[in-house]
Amino acid sequence: MFEEAALAAFDLAFSVDGTLVRRSLGSSWDTPFEAVDPVREFSWHKGGQGFAGWYYAATLRDHVGYESWLERDRLILLDRDPQVVAIASQPFWLHWHDGTRKRRHAPDYFVRLADGRARVVDVRAADEMDEATREAFEATEHACRAVGWKFEWVARPEPVFMANIRWLYRYRRARCGRPVAVADRLREVFREPMGLWEGAGLSETGWRSCTGSHQASNLARHRGRATDRARR
């Protein structure tokens, strides 16, 4: 059941054919925000902590913008989530009045799931949170709850896990694809580190497994190195 007061208390401003339009939450919540353009340009400043760029998402076969390495890491994690079918960055401005002044906030990502549900994601490290950001996230969560969207504030992922996922994501490209049976056998063989050709022989899949074997063998070695670095 939608919260009637929130439907009128919040406005969404988003891009329609290159023009920014503003409508109430109640009249715009069903817009396909996973397909809209960002409401503002991605920027970064010399000496600042941000770093803007474009991540190629295999899920979309298209690029999605980010403004920090932390946001880029979240895109990598969203891209590997089997529930996620679409992602848009900076999808809209959320406008509201906090009782004292007018406020606005552009969430980092709008995510569409395979079952049709929506998720709004904001990325911020816990040690970089301030009062204004907390208030903006609380308002965003309130607006999302009013229309049945899920809101997520996500911080830094576990470093060893993220190091492995960051290394693996390049293999999402189609040229690295292998039949399921081959991939399953390679994961079994390279559960422990070993030489490439030794593992390729044990996989019993012949030359076609060489690229996949290289990937699996490197993963085993990389996992060990990442763990060692985390322990230092």
C-alpha atoms as a PDB file:
ATOM      1  CA  MET A   1       0.000   0.000   0.000  1.00  0.00           C
ATOM      2  CA  PHE A   2       1.532   3.289  -1.093  1.00  0.00           C
ATOM      3  CA  GLU A   3       2.003   6.037   1.473  1.00  0.00           C
ATOM      4  CA  GLU A   4      -0.272   8.802   0.177  1.00  0.00           C
ATOM      5  CA  ALA A   5       1.522  11.613   2.013  1.00  0.00           C
ATOM      6  CA  ALA A   6       4.926  10.608   0.620  1.00  0.00           C
ATOM      7  CA  LEU A   7       3.597  10.395  -2.948  1.00  0.00           C
ATOM      8  CA  ALA A   8       2.890  14.114  -2.800  1.00  0.00           C
ATOM      9  CA  ALA A   9       5.773  15.160  -0.523  1.00  0.00           C
ATOM     10  CA  PHE A  10       8.507  13.960  -2.907  1.00  0.00           C
ATOM     11  CA  ASP A  11       9.174  14.979  -6.510  1.00  0.00           C
ATOM     12  CA  LEU A  12      11.354  13.195  -9.063  1.00  0.00           C
ATOM     13  CA  ALA A  13      13.260  15.089 -11.752  1.00  0.00           C
ATOM     14  CA  PHE A  14      14.559  12.933 -14.584  1.00  0.00           C
ATOM     15  CA  SER A  15      15.643  13.116 -18.209  1.00  0.00           C
ATOM     16  CA  VAL A  16      13.094  12.647 -20.997  1.00  0.00           C
ATOM     17  CA  ASP A  17      14.602  12.898 -24.487  1.00  0.00           C
ATOM     18  CA  GLY A  18      17.363  15.090 -23.120  1.00  0.00           C
ATOM     19  CA  THR A  19      15.011  17.406 -21.205  1.00  0.00           C
ATOM     20  CA  LEU A  20      14.781  17.409 -17.415  1.00  0.00           C
ATOM     21  CA  VAL A  21      11.180  17.067 -16.267  1.00  0.00           C
ATOM     22  CA  ARG A  22       9.889  17.175 -12.702  1.00  0.00           C
ATOM     23  CA  ARG A  23       6.829  15.319 -11.450  1.00  0.00           C
ATOM     24  CA  SER A  24       5.463  14.125  -8.147  1.00  0.00           C
ATOM     25  CA  LEU A  25       6.599  10.744  -6.878  1.00  0.00           C
ATOM     26  CA  GLY A  26       3.008   9.522  -7.140  1.00  0.00           C
ATOM     27  CA  SER A  27       2.783  10.324 -10.851  1.00  0.00           C
ATOM     28  CA  SER A  28       6.267   9.233 -11.906  1.00  0.00           C
ATOM     29  CA  TRP A  29       7.277   6.191  -9.824  1.00  0.00           C
ATOM     30  CA  ASP A  30       6.375   3.763 -12.644  1.00  0.00           C
ATOM     31  CA  THR A  31       8.798   5.395 -15.105  1.00  0.00           C
ATOM     32  CA  PRO A  32      11.371   2.838 -16.393  1.00  0.00           C
ATOM     33  CA  PHE A  33      14.264   4.516 -14.602  1.00  0.00           C
ATOM     34  CA  GLU A  34      16.606   1.691 -15.568  1.00  0.00           C
ATOM     35  CA  ALA A  35      16.563   3.181 -19.093  1.00  0.00           C
ATOM     36  CA  VAL A  36      16.931   6.922 -18.364  1.00  0.00           C
ATOM     37  CA  ASP A  37      20.023   9.068 -18.891  1.00  0.00           C
ATOM     38  CA  PRO A  38      21.967  10.408 -15.887  1.00  0.00           C
ATOM     39  CA  VAL A  39      20.520  13.644 -14.529  1.00  0.00           C
ATOM     40  CA  ARG A  40      23.958  15.216 -14.213  1.00  0.00           C
ATOM     41  CA  GLU A  41      27.422  14.822 -15.632  1.00  0.00           C
ATOM     42  CA  PHE A  42      29.996  12.654 -13.900  1.00  0.00           C
ATOM     43  CA  SER A  43      32.822  14.790 -12.632  1.00  0.00           C
ATOM     44  CA  TRP A  44      35.933  14.638 -10.506  1.00  0.00           C
ATOM     45  CA  HIS A  45      38.368  17.257  -9.317  1.00  0.00           C
ATOM     46  CA  LYS A  46      42.143  17.207  -9.153  1.00  0.00           C
ATOM     47  CA  GLY A  47      43.233  16.354  -5.632  1.00  0.00           C
ATOM     48  CA  GLY A  48      39.779  15.016  -4.717  1.00  0.00           C
ATOM     49  CA  GLN A  49      38.855  11.470  -3.735  1.00  0.00           C
ATOM     50  CA  GLY A  50      36.435  10.906  -6.589  1.00  0.00           C
ATOM     51  CA  PHE A  51      37.374   9.346  -9.915  1.00  0.00           C
ATOM     52  CA  ALA A  52      34.752   9.315 -12.660  1.00  0.00           C
ATOM     53  CA  GLY A  53      34.587   6.764 -15.447  1.00  0.00           C
ATOM     54  CA  TRP A  54      32.483   4.283 -17.394  1.00  0.00           C
ATOM     55  CA  TYR A  55      32.173   0.603 -16.529  1.00  0.00           C
ATOM     56  CA  TYR A  56      31.214  -1.883 -19.237  1.00  0.00           C
ATOM     57  CA  ALA A  57      28.471  -4.057 -17.734  1.00  0.00           C
ATOM     58  CA  ALA A  58      28.155  -7.492 -19.314  1.00  0.00           C
ATOM     59  CA  THR A  59      24.568  -7.663 -18.053  1.00  0.00           C
ATOM     60  CA  LEU A  60      23.607  -4.635 -20.156  1.00  0.00           C
ATOM     61  CA  ARG A  61      26.265  -4.931 -22.864  1.00  0.00           C
ATOM     62  CA  ASP A  62      26.643  -1.198 -22.356  1.00  0.00           C
ATOM     63  CA  HIS A  63      28.510   1.303 -20.190  1.00  0.00           C
ATOM     64  CA  VAL A  64      27.336   2.634 -16.816  1.00  0.00           C
ATOM     65  CA  GLY A  65      28.869   5.711 -15.227  1.00  0.00           C
ATOM     66  CA  TYR A  66      30.512   5.965 -11.815  1.00  0.00           C
ATOM     67  CA  GLU A  67      32.182   8.737  -9.795  1.00  0.00           C
ATOM     68  CA  SER A  68      34.518   6.825  -7.501  1.00  0.00           C
ATOM     69  CA  TRP A  69      36.369   3.520  -7.262  1.00  0.00           C
ATOM     70  CA  LEU A  70      33.867   2.527  -4.589  1.00  0.00           C
ATOM     71  CA  GLU A  71      30.970   3.095  -6.990  1.00  0.00           C
ATOM     72  CA  ARG A  72      32.875   1.179  -9.693  1.00  0.00           C
ATOM     73  CA  ASP A  73      33.288  -1.773  -7.309  1.00  0.00           C
ATOM     74  CA  ARG A  74      29.555  -1.729  -6.587  1.00  0.00           C
ATOM     75  CA  LEU A  75      28.842  -1.840 -10.321  1.00  0.00           C
ATOM     76  CA  ILE A  76      31.056  -4.907 -10.635  1.00  0.00           C
ATOM     77  CA  LEU A  77      29.082  -6.592  -7.844  1.00  0.00           C
ATOM     78  CA  LEU A  78      25.732  -5.625  -9.363  1.00  0.00           C
ATOM     79  CA  ASP A  79      26.891  -6.883 -12.747  1.00  0.00           C
ATOM     80  CA  ARG A  80      27.555 -10.358 -11.316  1.00  0.00           C
ATOM     81  CA  ASP A  81      24.221 -10.566  -9.467  1.00  0.00           C
ATOM     82  CA  PRO A  82      21.937 -12.983 -11.392  1.00  0.00           C
ATOM     83  CA  GLN A  83      18.870 -11.086 -10.159  1.00  0.00           C
ATOM     84  CA  VAL A  84      19.966  -7.823 -11.801  1.00  0.00           C
ATOM     85  CA  VAL A  85      18.841  -7.211 -15.387  1.00  0.00           C
ATOM     86  CA  ALA A  86      19.390  -3.439 -15.751  1.00  0.00           C
ATOM     87  CA  ILE A  87      21.305  -0.628 -14.041  1.00  0.00           C
ATOM     88  CA  ALA A  88      21.153   3.154 -14.477  1.00  0.00           C
ATOM     89  CA  SER A  89      23.424   5.661 -12.760  1.00  0.00           C
ATOM     90  CA  GLN A  90      22.238   9.013 -11.348  1.00  0.00           C
ATOM     91  CA  PRO A  91      18.688   8.179 -12.543  1.00  0.00           C
ATOM     92  CA  PHE A  92      16.814  11.092 -10.980  1.00  0.00           C
ATOM     93  CA  TRP A  93      16.869  13.981  -8.552  1.00  0.00           C
ATOM     94  CA  LEU A  94      14.729  13.329  -5.497  1.00  0.00           C
ATOM     95  CA  HIS A  95      13.271  16.633  -4.241  1.00  0.00           C
ATOM     96  CA  TRP A  96      11.685  17.232  -0.818  1.00  0.00           C
ATOM     97  CA  HIS A  97      11.334  19.820   1.939  1.00  0.00           C
ATOM     98  CA  ASP A  98      12.815  18.890   5.313  1.00  0.00           C
ATOM     99  CA  GLY A  99      10.681  21.378   7.249  1.00  0.00           C
ATOM    100  CA  THR A 100      13.316  24.073   7.065  1.00  0.00           C
ATOM    101  CA  ARG A 101      14.578  24.165   3.505  1.00  0.00           C
ATOM    102  CA  LYS A 102      14.290  22.532   0.119  1.00  0.00           C
ATOM    103  CA  ARG A 103      16.548  19.517  -0.399  1.00  0.00           C
ATOM    104  CA  ARG A 104      17.496  17.275  -3.301  1.00  0.00           C
ATOM    105  CA  HIS A 105      19.542  14.120  -3.773  1.00  0.00           C
ATOM    106  CA  ALA A 106      20.541  12.023  -6.794  1.00  0.00           C
ATOM    107  CA  PRO A 107      20.907   8.339  -5.827  1.00  0.00           C
ATOM    108  CA  ASP A 108      23.865   6.543  -7.330  1.00  0.00           C
ATOM    109  CA  TYR A 109      22.015   3.689  -9.052  1.00  0.00           C
ATOM    110  CA  PHE A 110      18.576   2.474 -10.021  1.00  0.00           C
ATOM    111  CA  VAL A 111      18.497  -1.304 -10.448  1.00  0.00           C
ATOM    112  CA  ARG A 112      15.812  -3.433 -12.089  1.00  0.00           C
ATOM    113  CA  LEU A 113      15.534  -7.047 -10.982  1.00  0.00           C
ATOM    114  CA  ALA A 114      14.442 -10.042 -13.029  1.00  0.00           C
ATOM    115  CA  ASP A 115      11.111 -10.271 -11.203  1.00  0.00           C
ATOM    116  CA  GLY A 116      10.292  -6.632 -11.987  1.00  0.00           C
ATOM    117  CA  ARG A 117      11.109  -5.204  -8.571  1.00  0.00           C
ATOM    118  CA  ALA A 118      13.245  -2.076  -8.249  1.00  0.00           C
ATOM    119  CA  ARG A 119      16.209  -1.259  -6.038  1.00  0.00           C
ATOM    120  CA  VAL A 120      17.754   2.161  -5.405  1.00  0.00           C
ATOM    121  CA  VAL A 121      21.405   2.041  -4.328  1.00  0.00           C
ATOM    122  CA  ASP A 122      23.565   4.695  -2.665  1.00  0.00           C
ATOM    123  CA  VAL A 123      27.285   4.084  -2.209  1.00  0.00           C
ATOM    124  CA  ARG A 124      29.219   5.737   0.609  1.00  0.00           C
ATOM    125  CA  ALA A 125      31.973   4.513   2.927  1.00  0.00           C
ATOM    126  CA  ALA A 126      30.871   4.475   6.578  1.00  0.00           C
ATOM    127  CA  ASP A 127      33.746   6.730   7.645  1.00  0.00           C
ATOM    128  CA  GLU A 128      32.712   9.327   5.054  1.00  0.00           C
ATOM    129  CA  MET A 129      29.117   9.674   6.221  1.00  0.00           C
ATOM    130  CA  ASP A 130      28.019  13.050   7.580  1.00  0.00           C
ATOM    131  CA  GLU A 131      24.713  14.328   8.922  1.00  0.00           C
ATOM    132  CA  ALA A 132      23.541  15.771   5.596  1.00  0.00           C
ATOM    133  CA  THR A 133      24.240  12.481   3.812  1.00  0.00           C
ATOM    134  CA  ARG A 134      22.439  10.453   6.473  1.00  0.00           C
ATOM    135  CA  GLU A 135      19.413  12.727   6.170  1.00  0.00           C
ATOM    136  CA  ALA A 136      19.445  12.388   2.380  1.00  0.00           C
ATOM    137  CA  PHE A 137      19.638   8.605   2.607  1.00  0.00           C
ATOM    138  CA  GLU A 138      16.806   8.512   5.148  1.00  0.00           C
ATOM    139  CA  ALA A 139      14.621  10.642   2.877  1.00  0.00           C
ATOM    140  CA  THR A 140      15.465   8.431  -0.103  1.00  0.00           C
ATOM    141  CA  GLU A 141      14.600   5.311   1.862  1.00  0.00           C
ATOM    142  CA  HIS A 142      11.276   6.878   2.887  1.00  0.00           C
ATOM    143  CA  ALA A 143      10.425   7.703  -0.741  1.00  0.00           C
ATOM    144  CA  CYS A 144      11.420   4.221  -1.914  1.00  0.00           C
ATOM    145  CA  ARG A 145       9.357   2.522   0.783  1.00  0.00           C
ATOM    146  CA  ALA A 146       6.330   4.597  -0.254  1.00  0.00           C
ATOM    147  CA  VAL A 147       6.316   3.093  -3.770  1.00  0.00           C
ATOM    148  CA  GLY A 148       7.547  -0.409  -3.000  1.00  0.00           C
ATOM    149  CA  TRP A 149      11.166   0.031  -4.035  1.00  0.00           C
ATOM    150  CA  LYS A 150      14.003  -1.333  -1.931  1.00  0.00           C
ATOM    151  CA  PHE A 151      16.645   1.145  -0.794  1.00  0.00           C
ATOM    152  CA  GLU A 152      20.218   0.044  -0.075  1.00  0.00           C
ATOM    153  CA  TRP A 153      23.074   2.005   1.416  1.00  0.00           C
ATOM    154  CA  VAL A 154      26.253   0.072   0.666  1.00  0.00           C
ATOM    155  CA  ALA A 155      29.749   0.758   2.017  1.00  0.00           C
ATOM    156  CA  ARG A 156      33.151  -0.759   1.280  1.00  0.00           C
ATOM    157  CA  PRO A 157      33.101  -4.469   0.398  1.00  0.00           C
ATOM    158  CA  GLU A 158      35.406  -6.960   2.139  1.00  0.00           C
ATOM    159  CA  PRO A 159      38.829  -6.277   0.531  1.00  0.00           C
ATOM    160  CA  VAL A 160      40.018  -9.838  -0.248  1.00  0.00           C
ATOM    161  CA  PHE A 161      36.639 -10.787  -1.713  1.00  0.00           C
ATOM    162  CA  MET A 162      36.548  -7.598  -3.812  1.00  0.00           C
ATOM    163  CA  ALA A 163      40.119  -8.107  -5.023  1.00  0.00           C
ATOM    164  CA  ASN A 164      39.131 -11.505  -6.415  1.00  0.00           C
ATOM    165  CA  ILE A 165      35.885 -10.250  -7.977  1.00  0.00           C
ATOM    166  CA  ARG A 166      37.656  -7.253  -9.517  1.00  0.00           C
ATOM    167  CA  TRP A 167      40.168  -9.589 -11.145  1.00  0.00           C
ATOM    168  CA  LEU A 168      37.478 -11.976 -12.368  1.00  0.00           C
ATOM    169  CA  TYR A 169      35.066  -9.492 -13.929  1.00  0.00           C
ATOM    170  CA  ARG A 170      37.125  -9.130 -17.119  1.00  0.00           C
ATOM    171  CA  TYR A 171      36.261 -12.761 -17.902  1.00  0.00           C
ATOM    172  CA  ARG A 172      32.588 -11.865 -18.278  1.00  0.00           C
ATOM    173  CA  ARG A 173      33.356 -11.080 -21.907  1.00  0.00           C
ATOM    174  CA  ALA A 174      31.879 -13.468 -24.459  1.00  0.00           C
ATOM    175  CA  ARG A 175      35.284 -14.595 -25.747  1.00  0.00           C
ATOM    176  CA  CYS A 176      35.924 -16.245 -22.378  1.00  0.00           C
ATOM    177  CA  GLY A 177      32.725 -18.257 -22.386  1.00  0.00           C
ATOM    178  CA  ARG A 178      32.892 -22.038 -22.173  1.00  0.00           C
ATOM    179  CA  PRO A 179      30.265 -24.820 -22.058  1.00  0.00           C
ATOM    180  CA  VAL A 180      28.931 -25.383 -18.542  1.00  0.00           C
ATOM    181  CA  ALA A 181      30.437 -28.861 -18.292  1.00  0.00           C
ATOM    182  CA  VAL A 182      33.891 -27.524 -19.204  1.00  0.00           C
ATOM    183  CA  ALA A 183      33.643 -24.640 -16.724  1.00  0.00           C
ATOM    184  CA  ASP A 184      32.499 -26.957 -13.930  1.00  0.00           C
ATOM    185  CA  ARG A 185      35.378 -29.364 -14.568  1.00  0.00           C
ATOM    186  CA  LEU A 186      37.928 -26.516 -14.592  1.00  0.00           C
ATOM    187  CA  ARG A 187      36.670 -25.205 -11.260  1.00  0.00           C
ATOM    188  CA  GLU A 188      37.024 -28.688  -9.805  1.00  0.00           C
ATOM    189  CA  VAL A 189      40.553 -29.210 -11.164  1.00  0.00           C
ATOM    190  CA  PHE A 190      41.871 -25.796 -10.151  1.00  0.00           C
ATOM    191  CA  ARG A 191      40.399 -25.815  -6.665  1.00  0.00           C
ATOM    192  CA  GLU A 192      44.055 -25.816  -5.573  1.00  0.00           C
ATOM    193  CA  PRO A 193      46.839 -23.955  -7.462  1.00  0.00           C
ATOM    194  CA  MET A 194      48.700 -25.942 -10.117  1.00  0.00           C
ATOM    195  CA  GLY A 195      50.425 -25.453 -13.472  1.00  0.00           C
ATOM    196  CA  LEU A 196      48.342 -24.465 -16.504  1.00  0.00           C
ATOM    197  CA  TRP A 197      49.216 -27.430 -18.697  1.00  0.00           C
ATOM    198  CA  GLU A 198      48.955 -29.890 -15.839  1.00  0.00           C
ATOM    199  CA  GLY A 199      45.449 -28.661 -15.067  1.00  0.00           C
ATOM    200  CA  ALA A 200      44.452 -28.621 -18.735  1.00  0.00           C
ATOM    201  CA  GLY A 201      45.474 -32.275 -18.959  1.00  0.00           C
ATOM    202  CA  LEU A 202      43.548 -33.239 -15.855  1.00  0.00           C
ATOM    203  CA  SER A 203      40.441 -31.432 -17.071  1.00  0.00           C
ATOM    204  CA  GLU A 204      40.120 -33.968 -19.920  1.00  0.00           C
ATOM    205  CA  THR A 205      38.678 -31.270 -22.192  1.00  0.00           C
ATOM    206  CA  GLY A 206      41.654 -30.867 -24.511  1.00  0.00           C
ATOM    207  CA  TRP A 207      42.898 -27.658 -26.125  1.00  0.00           C
ATOM    208  CA  ARG A 208      39.517 -25.917 -25.910  1.00  0.00           C
ATOM    209  CA  SER A 209      40.038 -25.564 -22.154  1.00  0.00           C
ATOM    210  CA  CYS A 210      43.320 -23.633 -22.395  1.00  0.00           C
ATOM    211  CA  THR A 211      41.828 -20.141 -21.998  1.00  0.00           C
ATOM    212  CA  GLY A 212      39.546 -21.308 -19.220  1.00  0.00           C
ATOM    213  CA  SER A 213      42.411 -23.176 -17.561  1.00  0.00           C
ATOM    214  CA  HIS A 214      44.534 -20.029 -17.590  1.00  0.00           C
ATOM    215  CA  GLN A 215      41.657 -18.170 -15.942  1.00  0.00           C
ATOM    216  CA  ALA A 216      41.062 -20.811 -13.268  1.00  0.00           C
ATOM    217  CA  SER A 217      44.753 -21.317 -12.532  1.00  0.00           C
ATOM    218  CA  ASN A 218      45.333 -17.575 -12.143  1.00  0.00           C
ATOM    219  CA  LEU A 219      42.292 -17.315  -9.886  1.00  0.00           C
ATOM    220  CA  ALA A 220      43.745 -19.899  -7.501  1.00  0.00           C
ATOM    221  CA  ARG A 221      47.099 -18.089  -7.375  1.00  0.00           C
ATOM    222  CA  HIS A 222      45.466 -14.661  -7.082  1.00  0.00           C
ATOM    223  CA  ARG A 223      43.270 -15.825  -4.209  1.00  0.00           C
ATOM    224  CA  GLY A 224      46.371 -16.857  -2.297  1.00  0.00           C
ATOM    225  CA  ARG A 225      48.181 -13.555  -2.966  1.00  0.00           C
ATOM    226  CA  ALA A 226      45.160 -11.458  -1.973  1.00  0.00           C
ATOM    227  CA  THR A 227      44.828 -13.392   1.284  1.00  0.00           C
ATOM    228  CA  ASP A 228      48.523 -12.924   2.036  1.00  0.00           C
ATOM    229  CA  ARG A 229      48.288  -9.167   1.456  1.00  0.00           C
ATOM    230  CA  ALA A 230      45.273  -8.883   3.752  1.00  0.00           C
ATOM    231  CA  ARG A 231      47.195 -10.616   6.550  1.00  0.00           C
ATOM    232  CA  ARG A 232      50.157  -8.233   6.419  1.00  0.00           C
END
